[in-house]
Amino acid sequence: MIRADLAQKLAHRMNVSKQEADRYLLAFIDAIVKNLQKDGKVVIQGFGSFRLKDYEARIGKKPVTGEPIPIPARKKPVFRASKELLRLVNLEPESEPVSEPVHAVTSYAAASM
């Protein structure tokens, strides 16, 4: 699924235009990025958490020549799924409850995807 597909599903679910749904999606992503920059962690209960992992500077090699090159220190965003998301993803399709959601967060997430 790509961003346009997600915006389409969000538009249908919220009964808004695709453009408005895309703005909501971009605002959501922007909020995650800004909070990662500020605090280094974002937790969405029932879905998972994003955090920054620090990588130290190191010496790498150019693939073609084998010449050593310095790789600067950097941060990388990492996502860790919640137990609830892992449980929902691993359900058999016919055993997944259709009418009664586990709770509001997973109900919304499961229904909108």
C-alpha atoms as a PDB file:
ATOM      1  CA  MET A   1       0.000   0.000   0.000  1.00  0.00           C
ATOM      2  CA  ILE A   2       1.294   3.443  -0.877  1.00  0.00           C
ATOM      3  CA  ARG A   3       0.406   6.842   0.599  1.00  0.00           C
ATOM      4  CA  ALA A   4      -2.233   7.513  -2.087  1.00  0.00           C
ATOM      5  CA  ASP A   5      -3.974   4.221  -1.266  1.00  0.00           C
ATOM      6  CA  LEU A   6      -3.940   5.037   2.430  1.00  0.00           C
ATOM      7  CA  ALA A   7      -5.339   8.517   1.747  1.00  0.00           C
ATOM      8  CA  GLN A   8      -8.076   6.944  -0.405  1.00  0.00           C
ATOM      9  CA  LYS A   9      -9.084   4.575   2.403  1.00  0.00           C
ATOM     10  CA  LEU A  10      -8.961   7.407   4.929  1.00  0.00           C
ATOM     11  CA  ALA A  11     -11.145   9.586   2.669  1.00  0.00           C
ATOM     12  CA  HIS A  12     -13.707   6.804   2.327  1.00  0.00           C
ATOM     13  CA  ARG A  13     -13.683   6.029   6.053  1.00  0.00           C
ATOM     14  CA  MET A  14     -14.009   9.691   7.132  1.00  0.00           C
ATOM     15  CA  ASN A  15     -16.320  10.706   4.260  1.00  0.00           C
ATOM     16  CA  VAL A  16     -14.008  13.523   3.106  1.00  0.00           C
ATOM     17  CA  SER A  17     -12.238  14.285  -0.174  1.00  0.00           C
ATOM     18  CA  LYS A  18      -8.982  12.519  -1.078  1.00  0.00           C
ATOM     19  CA  GLN A  19      -7.154  15.847  -0.920  1.00  0.00           C
ATOM     20  CA  GLU A  20      -8.417  16.522   2.602  1.00  0.00           C
ATOM     21  CA  ALA A  21      -7.574  12.974   3.693  1.00  0.00           C
ATOM     22  CA  ASP A  22      -4.071  13.387   2.253  1.00  0.00           C
ATOM     23  CA  ARG A  23      -3.651  16.613   4.263  1.00  0.00           C
ATOM     24  CA  TYR A  24      -4.690  14.733   7.432  1.00  0.00           C
ATOM     25  CA  LEU A  25      -2.224  11.967   6.633  1.00  0.00           C
ATOM     26  CA  LEU A  26       0.599  14.435   5.982  1.00  0.00           C
ATOM     27  CA  ALA A  27      -0.207  16.285   9.231  1.00  0.00           C
ATOM     28  CA  PHE A  28      -0.058  12.962  11.097  1.00  0.00           C
ATOM     29  CA  ILE A  29       3.302  12.075   9.551  1.00  0.00           C
ATOM     30  CA  ASP A  30       4.624  15.583  10.207  1.00  0.00           C
ATOM     31  CA  ALA A  31       3.597  15.341  13.873  1.00  0.00           C
ATOM     32  CA  ILE A  32       5.477  12.029  14.198  1.00  0.00           C
ATOM     33  CA  VAL A  33       8.616  13.445  12.543  1.00  0.00           C
ATOM     34  CA  LYS A  34       8.624  16.624  14.631  1.00  0.00           C
ATOM     35  CA  ASN A  35       8.132  14.703  17.879  1.00  0.00           C
ATOM     36  CA  LEU A  36      10.919  12.284  16.934  1.00  0.00           C
ATOM     37  CA  GLN A  37      13.199  15.266  16.361  1.00  0.00           C
ATOM     38  CA  LYS A  38      12.155  16.787  19.690  1.00  0.00           C
ATOM     39  CA  ASP A  39      11.801  13.792  22.042  1.00  0.00           C
ATOM     40  CA  GLY A  40      13.192  10.840  20.081  1.00  0.00           C
ATOM     41  CA  LYS A  41      10.090   8.689  20.674  1.00  0.00           C
ATOM     42  CA  VAL A  42       6.426   8.473  19.614  1.00  0.00           C
ATOM     43  CA  VAL A  43       4.054   5.880  21.072  1.00  0.00           C
ATOM     44  CA  ILE A  44       0.678   5.076  19.488  1.00  0.00           C
ATOM     45  CA  GLN A  45      -1.067   2.780  21.953  1.00  0.00           C
ATOM     46  CA  GLY A  46      -2.416  -0.369  20.314  1.00  0.00           C
ATOM     47  CA  PHE A  47      -0.284   0.205  17.200  1.00  0.00           C
ATOM     48  CA  GLY A  48       3.374   0.580  18.111  1.00  0.00           C
ATOM     49  CA  SER A  49       6.168   3.028  18.753  1.00  0.00           C
ATOM     50  CA  PHE A  50       8.716   4.952  16.747  1.00  0.00           C
ATOM     51  CA  ARG A  51      12.086   5.829  18.235  1.00  0.00           C
ATOM     52  CA  LEU A  52      15.444   7.072  17.046  1.00  0.00           C
ATOM     53  CA  LYS A  53      18.449   4.778  17.113  1.00  0.00           C
ATOM     54  CA  ASP A  54      21.908   6.361  17.159  1.00  0.00           C
ATOM     55  CA  TYR A  55      24.603   5.025  14.862  1.00  0.00           C
ATOM     56  CA  GLU A  56      28.213   5.996  15.520  1.00  0.00           C
ATOM     57  CA  ALA A  57      30.557   7.265  12.838  1.00  0.00           C
ATOM     58  CA  ARG A  58      32.550   4.536  11.113  1.00  0.00           C
ATOM     59  CA  ILE A  59      34.749   3.794   8.140  1.00  0.00           C
ATOM     60  CA  GLY A  60      33.091   2.059   5.196  1.00  0.00           C
ATOM     61  CA  LYS A  61      34.313   0.980   1.761  1.00  0.00           C
ATOM     62  CA  LYS A  62      33.285   2.095  -1.704  1.00  0.00           C
ATOM     63  CA  PRO A  63      31.733  -0.982  -3.334  1.00  0.00           C
ATOM     64  CA  VAL A  64      33.512  -0.602  -6.677  1.00  0.00           C
ATOM     65  CA  THR A  65      37.023   0.423  -5.609  1.00  0.00           C
ATOM     66  CA  GLY A  66      37.194  -0.811  -2.016  1.00  0.00           C
ATOM     67  CA  GLU A  67      38.523   2.613  -1.026  1.00  0.00           C
ATOM     68  CA  PRO A  68      37.789   3.488   2.620  1.00  0.00           C
ATOM     69  CA  ILE A  69      35.322   6.334   3.160  1.00  0.00           C
ATOM     70  CA  PRO A  70      34.143   7.956   6.389  1.00  0.00           C
ATOM     71  CA  ILE A  71      30.468   7.448   7.252  1.00  0.00           C
ATOM     72  CA  PRO A  72      29.231  10.137   9.660  1.00  0.00           C
ATOM     73  CA  ALA A  73      27.234   9.464  12.835  1.00  0.00           C
ATOM     74  CA  ARG A  74      23.492   9.471  12.209  1.00  0.00           C
ATOM     75  CA  LYS A  75      20.103   8.673  13.672  1.00  0.00           C
ATOM     76  CA  LYS A  76      17.673   6.217  12.157  1.00  0.00           C
ATOM     77  CA  PRO A  77      13.941   5.948  12.932  1.00  0.00           C
ATOM     78  CA  VAL A  78      12.890   2.479  14.076  1.00  0.00           C
ATOM     79  CA  PHE A  79       9.322   1.155  14.415  1.00  0.00           C
ATOM     80  CA  ARG A  80       8.353  -1.491  16.942  1.00  0.00           C
ATOM     81  CA  ALA A  81       4.882  -3.018  16.648  1.00  0.00           C
ATOM     82  CA  SER A  82       2.735  -3.329  19.769  1.00  0.00           C
ATOM     83  CA  LYS A  83       1.640  -6.729  21.058  1.00  0.00           C
ATOM     84  CA  GLU A  84      -1.890  -5.870  19.947  1.00  0.00           C
ATOM     85  CA  LEU A  85      -0.814  -5.118  16.365  1.00  0.00           C
ATOM     86  CA  LEU A  86       1.266  -8.305  16.235  1.00  0.00           C
ATOM     87  CA  ARG A  87      -1.721 -10.308  17.456  1.00  0.00           C
ATOM     88  CA  LEU A  88      -4.063  -8.747  14.874  1.00  0.00           C
ATOM     89  CA  VAL A  89      -1.624  -9.258  12.002  1.00  0.00           C
ATOM     90  CA  ASN A  90      -1.206 -12.928  12.877  1.00  0.00           C
ATOM     91  CA  LEU A  91      -4.927 -13.736  13.091  1.00  0.00           C
ATOM     92  CA  GLU A  92      -6.312 -16.090  10.479  1.00  0.00           C
ATOM     93  CA  PRO A  93      -8.599 -14.130   8.112  1.00  0.00           C
ATOM     94  CA  GLU A  94     -11.692 -16.240   8.920  1.00  0.00           C
ATOM     95  CA  SER A  95     -11.100 -16.052  12.697  1.00  0.00           C
ATOM     96  CA  GLU A  96     -10.817 -12.241  12.803  1.00  0.00           C
ATOM     97  CA  PRO A  97     -13.783 -10.650  14.598  1.00  0.00           C
ATOM     98  CA  VAL A  98     -15.760  -8.557  12.133  1.00  0.00           C
ATOM     99  CA  SER A  99     -18.366  -6.856  14.293  1.00  0.00           C
ATOM    100  CA  GLU A 100     -16.673  -6.482  17.692  1.00  0.00           C
ATOM    101  CA  PRO A 101     -13.306  -4.675  17.711  1.00  0.00           C
ATOM    102  CA  VAL A 102     -10.741  -5.362  20.415  1.00  0.00           C
ATOM    103  CA  HIS A 103     -10.690  -1.656  21.295  1.00  0.00           C
ATOM    104  CA  ALA A 104     -11.188   1.648  19.532  1.00  0.00           C
ATOM    105  CA  VAL A 105      -7.599   2.118  18.315  1.00  0.00           C
ATOM    106  CA  THR A 106      -7.268  -1.285  16.680  1.00  0.00           C
ATOM    107  CA  SER A 107     -10.835  -1.116  15.389  1.00  0.00           C
ATOM    108  CA  TYR A 108     -10.070   2.097  13.539  1.00  0.00           C
ATOM    109  CA  ALA A 109      -6.681   0.886  12.331  1.00  0.00           C
ATOM    110  CA  ALA A 110      -7.978  -2.493  11.181  1.00  0.00           C
ATOM    111  CA  ALA A 111     -11.042  -1.068   9.470  1.00  0.00           C
ATOM    112  CA  SER A 112      -9.190   1.679   7.646  1.00  0.00           C
ATOM    113  CA  MET A 113      -6.590  -0.603   6.096  1.00  0.00           C
END
